[in-house]
C-alpha atoms as a PDB file:
ATOM      1  CA  MET A   1     154.984 249.260   9.743  1.00  0.00           C
ATOM      2  CA  SER A   2     152.697 248.687   7.189  1.00  0.00           C
ATOM      3  CA  ASN A   3     149.541 251.450   6.201  1.00  0.00           C
ATOM      4  CA  LEU A   4     146.875 248.495   7.343  1.00  0.00           C
ATOM      5  CA  ARG A   5     148.889 248.645  10.696  1.00  0.00           C
ATOM      6  CA  ILE A   6     148.589 252.539  11.031  1.00  0.00           C
ATOM      7  CA  PHE A   7     145.124 252.747  10.021  1.00  0.00           C
ATOM      8  CA  ARG A   8     144.038 249.871  12.594  1.00  0.00           C
ATOM      9  CA  CYS A   9     146.137 251.751  15.590  1.00  0.00           C
ATOM     10  CA  LEU A  10     144.631 255.112  14.635  1.00  0.00           C
ATOM     11  CA  ILE A  11     141.000 253.750  14.018  1.00  0.00           C
ATOM     12  CA  PRO A  12     139.977 251.268  16.268  1.00  0.00           C
ATOM     13  CA  ARG A  13     136.834 249.427  14.373  1.00  0.00           C
ATOM     14  CA  PHE A  14     138.909 249.416  11.065  1.00  0.00           C
ATOM     15  CA  GLU A  15     138.247 246.754   8.702  1.00  0.00           C
ATOM     16  CA  PRO A  16     140.650 246.435   5.400  1.00  0.00           C
ATOM     17  CA  ARG A  17     137.950 244.295   3.358  1.00  0.00           C
ATOM     18  CA  LEU A  18     135.970 247.996   3.717  1.00  0.00           C
ATOM     19  CA  VAL A  19     138.999 249.861   2.294  1.00  0.00           C
ATOM     20  CA  TYR A  20     139.771 247.140  -0.652  1.00  0.00           C
ATOM     21  CA  ASN A  21     136.246 247.777  -1.881  1.00  0.00           C
ATOM     22  CA  CYS A  22     136.077 251.249  -2.021  1.00  0.00           C
ATOM     23  CA  VAL A  23     139.594 251.448  -3.639  1.00  0.00           C
ATOM     24  CA  ARG A  24     138.411 248.682  -5.951  1.00  0.00           C
ATOM     25  CA  HIS A  25     135.442 250.675  -6.986  1.00  0.00           C
ATOM     26  CA  SER A  26     136.935 253.968  -7.292  1.00  0.00           C
ATOM     27  CA  SER A  27     139.505 252.662  -9.738  1.00  0.00           C
ATOM     28  CA  SER A  28     137.105 251.009 -11.506  1.00  0.00           C
ATOM     29  CA  ALA A  29     134.470 253.730 -12.030  1.00  0.00           C
ATOM     30  CA  GLN A  30     135.058 255.966 -14.612  1.00  0.00           C
ATOM     31  CA  GLY A  31     133.959 259.734 -15.280  1.00  0.00           C
ATOM     32  CA  SER A  32     131.527 260.846 -17.875  1.00  0.00           C
ATOM     33  CA  SER A  33     134.745 261.875 -20.438  1.00  0.00           C
ATOM     34  CA  ASP A  34     135.934 258.091 -19.725  1.00  0.00           C
ATOM     35  CA  ALA A  35     133.339 255.698 -20.184  1.00  0.00           C
ATOM     36  CA  PRO A  36     130.414 255.963 -22.471  1.00  0.00           C
ATOM     37  CA  TYR A  37     127.059 256.155 -20.844  1.00  0.00           C
ATOM     38  CA  SER A  38     125.482 253.614 -23.071  1.00  0.00           C
ATOM     39  CA  ASP A  39     126.373 251.534 -26.501  1.00  0.00           C
ATOM     40  CA  ASN A  40     124.972 254.576 -28.684  1.00  0.00           C
ATOM     41  CA  ASP A  41     128.182 257.061 -27.019  1.00  0.00           C
ATOM     42  CA  LYS A  42     130.467 254.190 -28.027  1.00  0.00           C
ATOM     43  CA  ILE A  43     132.693 255.737 -31.457  1.00  0.00           C
ATOM     44  CA  ALA A  44     131.885 254.001 -34.297  1.00  0.00           C
ATOM     45  CA  PRO A  45     134.776 251.729 -36.149  1.00  0.00           C
ATOM     46  CA  ARG A  46     133.336 252.386 -39.243  1.00  0.00           C
ATOM     47  CA  VAL A  47     131.728 256.171 -40.373  1.00  0.00           C
ATOM     48  CA  MET A  48     129.539 256.495 -43.416  1.00  0.00           C
ATOM     49  CA  ASN A  49     129.211 259.442 -44.957  1.00  0.00           C
ATOM     50  CA  ARG A  50     125.385 259.763 -45.460  1.00  0.00           C
ATOM     51  CA  ASN A  51     125.903 262.987 -47.545  1.00  0.00           C
ATOM     52  CA  PRO A  52     127.402 261.530 -50.616  1.00  0.00           C
ATOM     53  CA  MET A  53     127.791 265.384 -52.372  1.00  0.00           C
ATOM     54  CA  ASN A  54     130.003 266.826 -49.135  1.00  0.00           C
ATOM     55  CA  LEU A  55     133.343 266.426 -51.130  1.00  0.00           C
ATOM     56  CA  GLU A  56     131.544 268.294 -54.243  1.00  0.00           C
ATOM     57  CA  MET A  57     130.218 270.730 -51.843  1.00  0.00           C
ATOM     58  CA  MET A  58     133.935 271.429 -50.706  1.00  0.00           C
ATOM     59  CA  SER A  59     135.300 271.710 -54.008  1.00  0.00           C
ATOM     60  CA  ILE A  60     137.397 268.421 -53.333  1.00  0.00           C
ATOM     61  CA  GLY A  61     135.324 265.985 -55.077  1.00  0.00           C
ATOM     62  CA  ARG A  62     136.245 264.578 -58.529  1.00  0.00           C
ATOM     63  CA  LYS A  63     135.078 266.439 -61.367  1.00  0.00           C
ATOM     64  CA  PRO A  64     135.015 264.648 -64.662  1.00  0.00           C
ATOM     65  CA  GLU A  65     136.336 266.138 -67.644  1.00  0.00           C
ATOM     66  CA  GLY A  66     135.803 264.111 -70.369  1.00  0.00           C
ATOM     67  CA  PHE A  67     137.334 263.427 -73.637  1.00  0.00           C
ATOM     68  CA  GLN A  68     138.903 266.182 -75.459  1.00  0.00           C
ATOM     69  CA  PHE A  69     136.499 265.326 -78.891  1.00  0.00           C
ATOM     70  CA  GLU A  70     133.045 265.292 -76.999  1.00  0.00           C
ATOM     71  CA  GLN A  71     130.427 267.430 -78.263  1.00  0.00           C
ATOM     72  CA  GLU A  72     128.629 268.108 -75.087  1.00  0.00           C
ATOM     73  CA  GLU A  73     131.198 269.084 -72.299  1.00  0.00           C
ATOM     74  CA  ARG A  74     130.948 266.999 -69.098  1.00  0.00           C
ATOM     75  CA  ALA A  75     133.150 269.163 -66.711  1.00  0.00           C
ATOM     76  CA  TYR A  76     130.468 269.791 -64.247  1.00  0.00           C
ATOM     77  CA  TRP A  77     129.286 268.393 -60.793  1.00  0.00           C
ATOM     78  CA  ASN A  78     125.469 269.236 -61.549  1.00  0.00           C
ATOM     79  CA  LYS A  79     124.045 270.123 -64.611  1.00  0.00           C
ATOM     80  CA  LEU A  80     120.602 271.852 -65.285  1.00  0.00           C
ATOM     81  CA  THR A  81     118.990 271.514 -68.382  1.00  0.00           C
ATOM     82  CA  LEU A  82     115.767 272.726 -69.807  1.00  0.00           C
ATOM     83  CA  GLU A  83     113.364 271.364 -72.366  1.00  0.00           C
ATOM     84  CA  ILE A  84     110.656 272.781 -74.224  1.00  0.00           C
ATOM     85  CA  SER A  85     108.696 270.201 -76.430  1.00  0.00           C
ATOM     86  CA  ASN A  86     105.651 271.107 -78.075  1.00  0.00           C
ATOM     87  CA  GLN A  87     103.217 269.977 -75.416  1.00  0.00           C
ATOM     88  CA  HIS A  88     105.275 270.379 -71.949  1.00  0.00           C
ATOM     89  CA  THR A  89     108.357 272.267 -70.828  1.00  0.00           C
ATOM     90  CA  THR A  90     110.723 270.429 -68.451  1.00  0.00           C
ATOM     91  CA  ALA A  91     113.798 271.442 -66.081  1.00  0.00           C
ATOM     92  CA  GLU A  92     116.065 269.087 -64.996  1.00  0.00           C
ATOM     93  CA  VAL A  93     119.219 268.755 -62.601  1.00  0.00           C
ATOM     94  CA  ILE A  94     121.335 265.685 -63.627  1.00  0.00           C
ATOM     95  CA  HIS A  95     124.516 264.657 -61.197  1.00  0.00           C
ATOM     96  CA  TRP A  96     127.538 263.991 -63.755  1.00  0.00           C
ATOM     97  CA  THR A  97     127.030 260.144 -62.929  1.00  0.00           C
ATOM     98  CA  GLY A  98     123.620 260.308 -64.851  1.00  0.00           C
ATOM     99  CA  ARG A  99     121.391 260.162 -61.738  1.00  0.00           C
ATOM    100  CA  PRO A 100     118.848 263.050 -61.300  1.00  0.00           C
ATOM    101  CA  VAL A 101     118.882 265.142 -58.655  1.00  0.00           C
ATOM    102  CA  ALA A 102     115.775 267.525 -59.083  1.00  0.00           C
ATOM    103  CA  SER A 103     113.363 268.203 -61.632  1.00  0.00           C
ATOM    104  CA  ALA A 104     109.848 270.246 -62.603  1.00  0.00           C
ATOM    105  CA  SER A 105     107.942 269.502 -65.235  1.00  0.00           C
ATOM    106  CA  THR A 106     104.388 270.881 -66.692  1.00  0.00           C
ATOM    107  CA  LYS A 107     103.423 267.319 -66.874  1.00  0.00           C
ATOM    108  CA  GLU A 108     102.926 267.461 -63.098  1.00  0.00           C
ATOM    109  CA  TRP A 109      99.144 267.944 -62.178  1.00  0.00           C
ATOM    110  CA  ALA A 110     100.091 270.607 -59.999  1.00  0.00           C
ATOM    111  CA  PHE A 111     101.446 272.847 -62.790  1.00  0.00           C
ATOM    112  CA  ARG A 112      98.566 271.745 -65.500  1.00  0.00           C
ATOM    113  CA  LYS A 113      95.467 273.248 -63.260  1.00  0.00           C
ATOM    114  CA  GLN A 114      97.246 276.570 -62.889  1.00  0.00           C
ATOM    115  CA  LEU A 115      98.192 277.480 -66.117  1.00  0.00           C
ATOM    116  CA  TYR A 116      96.811 277.529 -69.440  1.00  0.00           C
ATOM    117  CA  ASN A 117      99.398 277.050 -71.819  1.00  0.00           C
ATOM    118  CA  LEU A 118     101.969 274.622 -70.628  1.00  0.00           C
ATOM    119  CA  THR A 119     104.802 275.926 -73.390  1.00  0.00           C
ATOM    120  CA  ASP A 120     104.756 279.845 -72.698  1.00  0.00           C
ATOM    121  CA  ASN A 121     106.703 282.642 -70.697  1.00  0.00           C
ATOM    122  CA  ALA A 122     105.003 281.989 -67.722  1.00  0.00           C
ATOM    123  CA  ALA A 123     105.463 278.291 -67.743  1.00  0.00           C
ATOM    124  CA  VAL A 124     109.186 278.605 -68.108  1.00  0.00           C
ATOM    125  CA  GLN A 125     108.972 280.654 -65.144  1.00  0.00           C
ATOM    126  CA  ALA A 126     106.933 278.476 -62.926  1.00  0.00           C
ATOM    127  CA  VAL A 127     108.896 275.941 -63.753  1.00  0.00           C
ATOM    128  CA  GLY A 128     112.029 278.059 -62.970  1.00  0.00           C
ATOM    129  CA  LYS A 129     110.853 278.691 -59.706  1.00  0.00           C
ATOM    130  CA  ILE A 130     110.017 275.202 -58.883  1.00  0.00           C
ATOM    131  CA  ILE A 131     113.272 273.909 -60.366  1.00  0.00           C
ATOM    132  CA  SER A 132     115.353 276.143 -58.215  1.00  0.00           C
ATOM    133  CA  ARG A 133     113.436 276.031 -54.698  1.00  0.00           C
ATOM    134  CA  ARG A 134     113.912 271.855 -55.123  1.00  0.00           C
ATOM    135  CA  CYS A 135     117.325 272.630 -55.608  1.00  0.00           C
ATOM    136  CA  LEU A 136     117.535 274.439 -52.438  1.00  0.00           C
ATOM    137  CA  GLU A 137     115.598 271.991 -50.882  1.00  0.00           C
ATOM    138  CA  THR A 138     118.424 269.486 -51.737  1.00  0.00           C
ATOM    139  CA  GLY A 139     121.156 271.388 -51.140  1.00  0.00           C
ATOM    140  CA  ILE A 140     122.231 272.446 -54.025  1.00  0.00           C
ATOM    141  CA  ARG A 141     123.346 276.016 -54.851  1.00  0.00           C
ATOM    142  CA  GLU A 142     125.473 275.622 -57.751  1.00  0.00           C
ATOM    143  CA  VAL A 143     124.830 274.084 -60.968  1.00  0.00           C
ATOM    144  CA  SER A 144     126.016 274.341 -64.169  1.00  0.00           C
ATOM    145  CA  LEU A 145     124.562 275.518 -67.630  1.00  0.00           C
ATOM    146  CA  HIS A 146     126.037 274.823 -70.813  1.00  0.00           C
ATOM    147  CA  LEU A 147     124.582 276.945 -73.386  1.00  0.00           C
ATOM    148  CA  THR A 148     125.082 278.196 -76.726  1.00  0.00           C
ATOM    149  CA  SER A 149     125.025 281.694 -78.275  1.00  0.00           C
ATOM    150  CA  GLU A 150     121.952 281.016 -80.030  1.00  0.00           C
ATOM    151  CA  GLU A 151     120.028 279.773 -77.063  1.00  0.00           C
ATOM    152  CA  MET A 152     120.926 282.673 -75.236  1.00  0.00           C
ATOM    153  CA  LYS A 153     119.398 284.967 -77.310  1.00  0.00           C
ATOM    154  CA  LYS A 154     116.203 283.448 -76.947  1.00  0.00           C
ATOM    155  CA  GLU A 155     113.476 285.212 -74.926  1.00  0.00           C
ATOM    156  CA  LYS A 156     112.244 282.290 -73.174  1.00  0.00           C
ATOM    157  CA  MET A 157     115.764 280.803 -72.095  1.00  0.00           C
ATOM    158  CA  LYS A 158     116.413 284.447 -70.736  1.00  0.00           C
ATOM    159  CA  LYS A 159     113.905 284.672 -68.348  1.00  0.00           C
ATOM    160  CA  PHE A 160     114.318 281.255 -67.027  1.00  0.00           C
ATOM    161  CA  ILE A 161     117.713 282.445 -65.972  1.00  0.00           C
ATOM    162  CA  SER A 162     116.560 285.468 -64.668  1.00  0.00           C
ATOM    163  CA  VAL A 163     114.095 283.334 -62.317  1.00  0.00           C
ATOM    164  CA  ILE A 164     116.789 280.932 -61.203  1.00  0.00           C
ATOM    165  CA  GLU A 165     119.469 284.009 -60.394  1.00  0.00           C
ATOM    166  CA  GLU A 166     116.771 285.318 -58.501  1.00  0.00           C
ATOM    167  CA  SER A 167     115.903 282.148 -56.581  1.00  0.00           C
ATOM    168  CA  GLY A 168     119.279 282.110 -55.249  1.00  0.00           C
ATOM    169  CA  ILE A 169     120.661 279.612 -57.791  1.00  0.00           C
ATOM    170  CA  ILE A 170     124.253 280.756 -59.168  1.00  0.00           C
ATOM    171  CA  LEU A 171     124.556 278.772 -62.639  1.00  0.00           C
ATOM    172  CA  SER A 172     128.127 278.267 -62.384  1.00  0.00           C
ATOM    173  CA  GLU A 173     130.393 275.916 -60.254  1.00  0.00           C
ATOM    174  CA  PRO A 174     133.887 276.466 -58.679  1.00  0.00           C
ATOM    175  CA  ASP A 175     136.754 274.889 -59.937  1.00  0.00           C
ATOM    176  CA  MET A 176     137.778 271.703 -58.623  1.00  0.00           C
ATOM    177  CA  TYR A 177     140.595 272.258 -55.476  1.00  0.00           C
ATOM    178  CA  ARG A 178     143.844 270.863 -56.631  1.00  0.00           C
ATOM    179  CA  ALA A 179     146.716 270.943 -54.176  1.00  0.00           C
ATOM    180  CA  ASP A 180     149.836 272.525 -54.678  1.00  0.00           C
ATOM    181  CA  ASN A 181     152.447 270.005 -56.430  1.00  0.00           C
ATOM    182  CA  PRO A 182     155.751 270.262 -54.500  1.00  0.00           C
ATOM    183  CA  HIS A 183     157.766 268.611 -57.736  1.00  0.00           C
ATOM    184  CA  LYS A 184     156.518 271.249 -59.854  1.00  0.00           C
ATOM    185  CA  ASP A 185     159.198 273.572 -61.054  1.00  0.00           C
ATOM    186  CA  ASP A 186     157.809 277.326 -60.606  1.00  0.00           C
ATOM    187  CA  THR A 187     161.101 279.102 -59.995  1.00  0.00           C
ATOM    188  CA  TYR A 188     160.019 282.061 -62.372  1.00  0.00           C
ATOM    189  CA  ASP A 189     156.327 281.721 -61.710  1.00  0.00           C
ATOM    190  CA  ILE A 190     154.761 283.709 -58.813  1.00  0.00           C
ATOM    191  CA  PRO A 191     152.474 281.371 -57.026  1.00  0.00           C
ATOM    192  CA  GLU A 192     148.842 282.151 -56.459  1.00  0.00           C
ATOM    193  CA  ARG A 193     147.775 282.483 -52.930  1.00  0.00           C
ATOM    194  CA  LYS A 194     144.738 279.568 -52.991  1.00  0.00           C
ATOM    195  CA  VAL A 195     142.187 279.561 -50.144  1.00  0.00           C
ATOM    196  CA  LYS A 196     141.171 276.095 -49.094  1.00  0.00           C
ATOM    197  CA  PRO A 197     137.315 275.733 -49.929  1.00  0.00           C
ATOM    198  CA  TRP A 198     136.859 274.159 -46.136  1.00  0.00           C
ATOM    199  CA  THR A 199     138.681 277.462 -44.613  1.00  0.00           C
ATOM    200  CA  VAL A 200     135.842 279.545 -43.194  1.00  0.00           C
ATOM    201  CA  LEU A 201     136.280 283.686 -43.425  1.00  0.00           C
ATOM    202  CA  GLU A 202     135.062 285.762 -40.950  1.00  0.00           C
END
């Protein structure tokens, strides 16, 4: 005896058409976790990284090392430079691709109307505060600063570095993360315990 006949015996006014419609709607209906409410909830087949510096912030991105006989070192992601000419003071953060990330200069009218001299210690401190604030707003907290021993002895450079460090910018970048090589023969070497950059330390 089929199920429809049993329902007809139990329920006098039983209609199979209504049961079929209920079963069809219940099978086609999906919960909130199964079906998206709109097209906005659907997962895109292609994902675009809107932050191109994401891998560099995680120390995974490629850091070019340049060539051995180059005069200037190129092992950096973002490089901080300070240029003091006869008329202006300019600080700039440059990406390794050559693209400027942030800059601050006494050529801007906001500096010129507040400073008496555009190349003195006060101008260097003002430029240092503004460039560090713009770096933090951009999302950069670590920059590379390449200086010689003679440049480190200059008073203006010392004040510039102190202002940058007080603003929360770290003047050194971490090393690029390199995965362990399983084919390397390190039988007699004690392996260093590496903490992956994406690990959250509590």
